[in-house]
Amino acid sequence: MWREKRILLTILGVLLAANTVFFFTYRLQYEQRLKDLDDRREQAESRLNAQHANRLQAERRLVAYRNISRDVQDIYTRQWATENERLTALIAEIKRLAVASELVPKSIGYERVQQTSSRVRTAAETVTITFGVQGNYQQVRRLINLFELSRQFIIIDQISLSSAQDQLLSLNLRLKTIFRDIAPVATKRM
């Protein structure tokens, strides 16, 4: 019986061997394709994670930029308000701080500082405020500390201190502040 069907069995054996070779070849190729797909997926996930991190960093920079922009606008509108909007409040604040430190100035003078460069025009104007007081060391120290803690935009530009009689000190202060200029700034093209 095997002899009669030897051709058929040979054909079946060849087909079985071909199927076995095809199966193992296909399986190896399939595994390689799966591995390639896994590698591509991992690369895509790493790119996605990198892009996500870049997006988060960009969002943080945007939030920081908006905060800085808001703070600059606040300084420009409130702290560097125009002279008409803030000078009276500034002088009242200086007098209030002087009274709080028990040093009352007899007079307060102020003057506008001219810009030194005619090429560069800024939208701000500097004003100096000068006055002199007499008191003891603790009062002078308290006054300077109050100026540094003030909510007003005040710069202590110059201090001159001399001793008077006994424990009294003569203090001459020059303060600076910046006011926003009312006139628009003309920009030069270079």
C-alpha atoms as a PDB file:
ATOM      1  CA  MET A   1       0.000   0.000   0.000  1.00  0.00           C
ATOM      2  CA  TRP A   2       2.860   2.359   0.681  1.00  0.00           C
ATOM      3  CA  ARG A   3       4.335   1.536  -2.654  1.00  0.00           C
ATOM      4  CA  GLU A   4       1.197   2.276  -4.566  1.00  0.00           C
ATOM      5  CA  LYS A   5       0.815   5.618  -2.980  1.00  0.00           C
ATOM      6  CA  ARG A   6       4.481   6.529  -2.858  1.00  0.00           C
ATOM      7  CA  ILE A   7       4.085   9.370  -5.332  1.00  0.00           C
ATOM      8  CA  LEU A   8       1.180  10.772  -3.378  1.00  0.00           C
ATOM      9  CA  LEU A   9       3.052  10.385  -0.104  1.00  0.00           C
ATOM     10  CA  THR A  10       6.143  12.021  -1.619  1.00  0.00           C
ATOM     11  CA  ILE A  11       4.056  14.924  -2.816  1.00  0.00           C
ATOM     12  CA  LEU A  12       2.468  15.199   0.616  1.00  0.00           C
ATOM     13  CA  GLY A  13       5.919  15.016   2.264  1.00  0.00           C
ATOM     14  CA  VAL A  14       7.250  17.747  -0.003  1.00  0.00           C
ATOM     15  CA  LEU A  15       4.164  19.867   0.740  1.00  0.00           C
ATOM     16  CA  LEU A  16       4.596  19.235   4.468  1.00  0.00           C
ATOM     17  CA  ALA A  17       8.269  20.233   4.298  1.00  0.00           C
ATOM     18  CA  ALA A  18       7.379  23.333   2.241  1.00  0.00           C
ATOM     19  CA  ASN A  19       4.642  24.252   4.712  1.00  0.00           C
ATOM     20  CA  THR A  20       7.028  23.766   7.638  1.00  0.00           C
ATOM     21  CA  VAL A  21       9.697  25.967   6.000  1.00  0.00           C
ATOM     22  CA  PHE A  22       7.055  28.554   5.081  1.00  0.00           C
ATOM     23  CA  PHE A  23       5.577  28.478   8.606  1.00  0.00           C
ATOM     24  CA  PHE A  24       8.917  29.014  10.349  1.00  0.00           C
ATOM     25  CA  THR A  25      10.014  31.641   7.806  1.00  0.00           C
ATOM     26  CA  TYR A  26       6.698  33.459   8.124  1.00  0.00           C
ATOM     27  CA  ARG A  27       6.788  33.208  11.916  1.00  0.00           C
ATOM     28  CA  LEU A  28      10.317  34.697  12.067  1.00  0.00           C
ATOM     29  CA  GLN A  29       9.352  37.469   9.649  1.00  0.00           C
ATOM     30  CA  TYR A  30       6.193  38.101  11.651  1.00  0.00           C
ATOM     31  CA  GLU A  31       8.168  38.315  14.882  1.00  0.00           C
ATOM     32  CA  GLN A  32      10.623  40.705  13.222  1.00  0.00           C
ATOM     33  CA  ARG A  33       7.739  42.870  12.001  1.00  0.00           C
ATOM     34  CA  LEU A  34       6.234  42.867  15.500  1.00  0.00           C
ATOM     35  CA  LYS A  35       9.616  43.843  16.957  1.00  0.00           C
ATOM     36  CA  ASP A  36       9.954  46.641  14.379  1.00  0.00           C
ATOM     37  CA  LEU A  37       6.453  47.874  15.219  1.00  0.00           C
ATOM     38  CA  ASP A  38       7.287  47.808  18.945  1.00  0.00           C
ATOM     39  CA  ASP A  39      10.486  49.766  18.260  1.00  0.00           C
ATOM     40  CA  ARG A  40       8.579  52.343  16.205  1.00  0.00           C
ATOM     41  CA  ARG A  41       5.916  52.599  18.941  1.00  0.00           C
ATOM     42  CA  GLU A  42       8.606  53.169  21.606  1.00  0.00           C
ATOM     43  CA  GLN A  43      10.283  55.811  19.448  1.00  0.00           C
ATOM     44  CA  ALA A  44       6.934  57.517  18.849  1.00  0.00           C
ATOM     45  CA  GLU A  45       6.179  57.431  22.595  1.00  0.00           C
ATOM     46  CA  SER A  46       9.596  58.917  23.417  1.00  0.00           C
ATOM     47  CA  ARG A  47       9.030  61.684  20.819  1.00  0.00           C
ATOM     48  CA  LEU A  48       5.551  62.244  22.271  1.00  0.00           C
ATOM     49  CA  ASN A  49       6.977  62.480  25.803  1.00  0.00           C
ATOM     50  CA  ALA A  50       9.668  64.909  24.619  1.00  0.00           C
ATOM     51  CA  GLN A  51       7.052  67.034  22.841  1.00  0.00           C
ATOM     52  CA  HIS A  52       4.844  66.904  25.941  1.00  0.00           C
ATOM     53  CA  ALA A  53       7.747  68.080  28.099  1.00  0.00           C
ATOM     54  CA  ASN A  54       8.492  70.866  25.584  1.00  0.00           C
ATOM     55  CA  ARG A  55       4.820  71.872  25.642  1.00  0.00           C
ATOM     56  CA  LEU A  56       4.770  71.994  29.443  1.00  0.00           C
ATOM     57  CA  GLN A  57       7.948  74.072  29.440  1.00  0.00           C
ATOM     58  CA  ALA A  58       6.474  76.428  26.833  1.00  0.00           C
ATOM     59  CA  GLU A  59       3.278  76.750  28.886  1.00  0.00           C
ATOM     60  CA  ARG A  60       5.347  77.570  31.987  1.00  0.00           C
ATOM     61  CA  ARG A  61       7.277  80.191  30.008  1.00  0.00           C
ATOM     62  CA  LEU A  62       3.991  81.631  28.737  1.00  0.00           C
ATOM     63  CA  VAL A  63       2.602  81.846  32.278  1.00  0.00           C
ATOM     64  CA  ALA A  64       5.851  83.458  33.464  1.00  0.00           C
ATOM     65  CA  TYR A  65       5.745  85.903  30.538  1.00  0.00           C
ATOM     66  CA  ARG A  66       2.127  86.825  31.318  1.00  0.00           C
ATOM     67  CA  ASN A  67       3.003  87.332  34.998  1.00  0.00           C
ATOM     68  CA  ILE A  68       5.979  89.520  34.090  1.00  0.00           C
ATOM     69  CA  SER A  69       3.884  91.440  31.581  1.00  0.00           C
ATOM     70  CA  ARG A  70       1.177  91.996  34.203  1.00  0.00           C
ATOM     71  CA  ASP A  71       3.793  93.084  36.772  1.00  0.00           C
ATOM     72  CA  VAL A  72       5.426  95.480  34.302  1.00  0.00           C
ATOM     73  CA  GLN A  73       2.020  96.919  33.403  1.00  0.00           C
ATOM     74  CA  ASP A  74       1.257  97.288  37.115  1.00  0.00           C
ATOM     75  CA  ILE A  75       4.546  99.102  37.709  1.00  0.00           C
ATOM     76  CA  TYR A  76       3.956 101.278  34.661  1.00  0.00           C
ATOM     77  CA  THR A  77       0.406 102.267  35.623  1.00  0.00           C
ATOM     78  CA  ARG A  78       0.586 102.331  39.425  1.00  0.00           C
ATOM     79  CA  GLN A  79       4.183 102.656  40.561  1.00  0.00           C
ATOM     80  CA  TRP A  80       5.314 104.893  37.699  1.00  0.00           C
ATOM     81  CA  ALA A  81       2.084 106.795  37.329  1.00  0.00           C
ATOM     82  CA  THR A  82       2.253 110.291  35.917  1.00  0.00           C
ATOM     83  CA  GLU A  83       3.419 113.141  38.111  1.00  0.00           C
ATOM     84  CA  ASN A  84      -0.125 114.518  38.348  1.00  0.00           C
ATOM     85  CA  GLU A  85      -1.410 111.150  39.520  1.00  0.00           C
ATOM     86  CA  ARG A  86       1.252 110.363  42.116  1.00  0.00           C
ATOM     87  CA  LEU A  87       3.265 113.391  43.306  1.00  0.00           C
ATOM     88  CA  THR A  88       0.818 114.496  45.988  1.00  0.00           C
ATOM     89  CA  ALA A  89       0.476 110.946  47.325  1.00  0.00           C
ATOM     90  CA  LEU A  90       4.278 110.564  47.292  1.00  0.00           C
ATOM     91  CA  ILE A  91       4.876 113.764  49.290  1.00  0.00           C
ATOM     92  CA  ALA A  92       2.110 112.757  51.717  1.00  0.00           C
ATOM     93  CA  GLU A  93       3.793 109.356  52.120  1.00  0.00           C
ATOM     94  CA  ILE A  94       7.181 111.001  52.783  1.00  0.00           C
ATOM     95  CA  LYS A  95       5.610 113.250  55.435  1.00  0.00           C
ATOM     96  CA  ARG A  96       3.750 110.310  56.991  1.00  0.00           C
ATOM     97  CA  LEU A  97       6.948 108.240  57.205  1.00  0.00           C
ATOM     98  CA  ALA A  98       8.851 111.201  58.667  1.00  0.00           C
ATOM     99  CA  VAL A  99       6.167 111.687  61.336  1.00  0.00           C
ATOM    100  CA  ALA A 100       6.197 107.929  62.074  1.00  0.00           C
ATOM    101  CA  SER A 101       9.945 108.120  62.709  1.00  0.00           C
ATOM    102  CA  GLU A 102       9.453 111.312  64.769  1.00  0.00           C
ATOM    103  CA  LEU A 103      11.503 113.372  62.299  1.00  0.00           C
ATOM    104  CA  VAL A 104       9.491 116.135  60.674  1.00  0.00           C
ATOM    105  CA  PRO A 105      11.176 118.026  57.826  1.00  0.00           C
ATOM    106  CA  LYS A 106      10.775 121.789  57.815  1.00  0.00           C
ATOM    107  CA  SER A 107      10.561 121.884  54.038  1.00  0.00           C
ATOM    108  CA  ILE A 108      10.577 119.479  51.132  1.00  0.00           C
ATOM    109  CA  GLY A 109      11.971 120.435  47.754  1.00  0.00           C
ATOM    110  CA  TYR A 110      11.744 118.645  44.478  1.00  0.00           C
ATOM    111  CA  GLU A 111      13.094 119.086  40.994  1.00  0.00           C
ATOM    112  CA  ARG A 112      12.933 117.315  37.653  1.00  0.00           C
ATOM    113  CA  VAL A 113      16.138 115.708  36.458  1.00  0.00           C
ATOM    114  CA  GLN A 114      16.966 116.513  32.845  1.00  0.00           C
ATOM    115  CA  GLN A 115      17.898 113.636  30.572  1.00  0.00           C
ATOM    116  CA  THR A 116      21.607 113.638  29.838  1.00  0.00           C
ATOM    117  CA  SER A 117      21.366 112.030  26.408  1.00  0.00           C
ATOM    118  CA  SER A 118      19.449 113.748  23.648  1.00  0.00           C
ATOM    119  CA  ARG A 119      19.604 110.656  21.418  1.00  0.00           C
ATOM    120  CA  VAL A 120      17.590 108.419  23.720  1.00  0.00           C
ATOM    121  CA  ARG A 121      14.192 109.577  24.880  1.00  0.00           C
ATOM    122  CA  THR A 122      12.428 107.464  27.485  1.00  0.00           C
ATOM    123  CA  ALA A 123       8.796 107.544  28.504  1.00  0.00           C
ATOM    124  CA  ALA A 124       9.755 108.282  32.093  1.00  0.00           C
ATOM    125  CA  GLU A 125      10.800 111.337  34.023  1.00  0.00           C
ATOM    126  CA  THR A 126      13.014 111.309  37.107  1.00  0.00           C
ATOM    127  CA  VAL A 127      12.207 113.646  39.985  1.00  0.00           C
ATOM    128  CA  THR A 128      14.417 114.196  43.038  1.00  0.00           C
ATOM    129  CA  ILE A 129      12.987 115.101  46.415  1.00  0.00           C
ATOM    130  CA  THR A 130      15.279 116.655  49.022  1.00  0.00           C
ATOM    131  CA  PHE A 131      14.783 117.495  52.665  1.00  0.00           C
ATOM    132  CA  GLY A 132      16.700 117.672  55.917  1.00  0.00           C
ATOM    133  CA  VAL A 133      15.814 116.548  59.439  1.00  0.00           C
ATOM    134  CA  GLN A 134      17.453 116.355  62.862  1.00  0.00           C
ATOM    135  CA  GLY A 135      17.100 113.520  65.326  1.00  0.00           C
ATOM    136  CA  ASN A 136      18.856 110.736  67.164  1.00  0.00           C
ATOM    137  CA  TYR A 137      20.351 107.614  65.603  1.00  0.00           C
ATOM    138  CA  GLN A 138      17.277 105.431  66.203  1.00  0.00           C
ATOM    139  CA  GLN A 139      14.980 107.974  64.538  1.00  0.00           C
ATOM    140  CA  VAL A 140      17.279 108.290  61.519  1.00  0.00           C
ATOM    141  CA  ARG A 141      17.536 104.528  61.201  1.00  0.00           C
ATOM    142  CA  ARG A 142      13.751 104.132  61.506  1.00  0.00           C
ATOM    143  CA  LEU A 143      13.180 106.771  58.797  1.00  0.00           C
ATOM    144  CA  ILE A 144      15.536 105.050  56.348  1.00  0.00           C
ATOM    145  CA  ASN A 145      13.951 101.681  57.102  1.00  0.00           C
ATOM    146  CA  LEU A 146      10.458 103.093  56.527  1.00  0.00           C
ATOM    147  CA  PHE A 147      11.539 104.490  53.155  1.00  0.00           C
ATOM    148  CA  GLU A 148      12.912 101.096  52.160  1.00  0.00           C
ATOM    149  CA  LEU A 149       9.656  99.381  53.177  1.00  0.00           C
ATOM    150  CA  SER A 150       7.384 101.969  51.549  1.00  0.00           C
ATOM    151  CA  ARG A 151       4.882 100.847  48.926  1.00  0.00           C
ATOM    152  CA  GLN A 152       5.721 103.975  46.931  1.00  0.00           C
ATOM    153  CA  PHE A 153       8.471 103.758  44.338  1.00  0.00           C
ATOM    154  CA  ILE A 154      11.213 105.645  46.208  1.00  0.00           C
ATOM    155  CA  ILE A 155      14.957 105.376  45.651  1.00  0.00           C
ATOM    156  CA  ILE A 156      17.275 106.698  48.353  1.00  0.00           C
ATOM    157  CA  ASP A 157      19.746 108.451  46.080  1.00  0.00           C
ATOM    158  CA  GLN A 158      21.987 110.268  48.549  1.00  0.00           C
ATOM    159  CA  ILE A 159      22.325 110.509  52.310  1.00  0.00           C
ATOM    160  CA  SER A 160      24.499 113.015  54.082  1.00  0.00           C
ATOM    161  CA  LEU A 161      24.799 112.675  57.810  1.00  0.00           C
ATOM    162  CA  SER A 162      26.551 114.963  60.223  1.00  0.00           C
ATOM    163  CA  SER A 163      26.569 115.198  63.974  1.00  0.00           C
ATOM    164  CA  ALA A 164      25.010 118.181  65.605  1.00  0.00           C
ATOM    165  CA  GLN A 165      24.970 118.866  69.332  1.00  0.00           C
ATOM    166  CA  ASP A 166      24.948 116.015  71.881  1.00  0.00           C
ATOM    167  CA  GLN A 167      23.222 112.941  70.407  1.00  0.00           C
ATOM    168  CA  LEU A 168      21.483 114.792  67.570  1.00  0.00           C
ATOM    169  CA  LEU A 169      22.307 114.009  63.972  1.00  0.00           C
ATOM    170  CA  SER A 170      21.581 116.185  60.946  1.00  0.00           C
ATOM    171  CA  LEU A 171      20.351 114.118  58.046  1.00  0.00           C
ATOM    172  CA  ASN A 172      19.982 115.421  54.500  1.00  0.00           C
ATOM    173  CA  LEU A 173      18.202 113.016  52.144  1.00  0.00           C
ATOM    174  CA  ARG A 174      17.848 113.067  48.403  1.00  0.00           C
ATOM    175  CA  LEU A 175      15.219 110.667  47.159  1.00  0.00           C
ATOM    176  CA  LYS A 176      14.471 109.783  43.565  1.00  0.00           C
ATOM    177  CA  THR A 177      11.344 108.539  41.947  1.00  0.00           C
ATOM    178  CA  ILE A 178      10.251 107.910  38.417  1.00  0.00           C
ATOM    179  CA  PHE A 179       7.068 109.227  36.880  1.00  0.00           C
ATOM    180  CA  ARG A 180       5.599 108.055  33.629  1.00  0.00           C
ATOM    181  CA  ASP A 181       5.822 110.785  31.027  1.00  0.00           C
ATOM    182  CA  ILE A 182       2.535 112.043  29.620  1.00  0.00           C
ATOM    183  CA  ALA A 183       3.950 112.830  26.167  1.00  0.00           C
ATOM    184  CA  PRO A 184       4.294 109.838  23.837  1.00  0.00           C
ATOM    185  CA  VAL A 185       7.811 108.723  23.050  1.00  0.00           C
ATOM    186  CA  ALA A 186       8.945 109.158  19.454  1.00  0.00           C
ATOM    187  CA  THR A 187      11.043 106.196  18.430  1.00  0.00           C
ATOM    188  CA  LYS A 188      14.017 106.717  16.176  1.00  0.00           C
ATOM    189  CA  ARG A 189      14.811 104.297  13.422  1.00  0.00           C
ATOM    190  CA  MET A 190      18.388 103.265  13.069  1.00  0.00           C
END
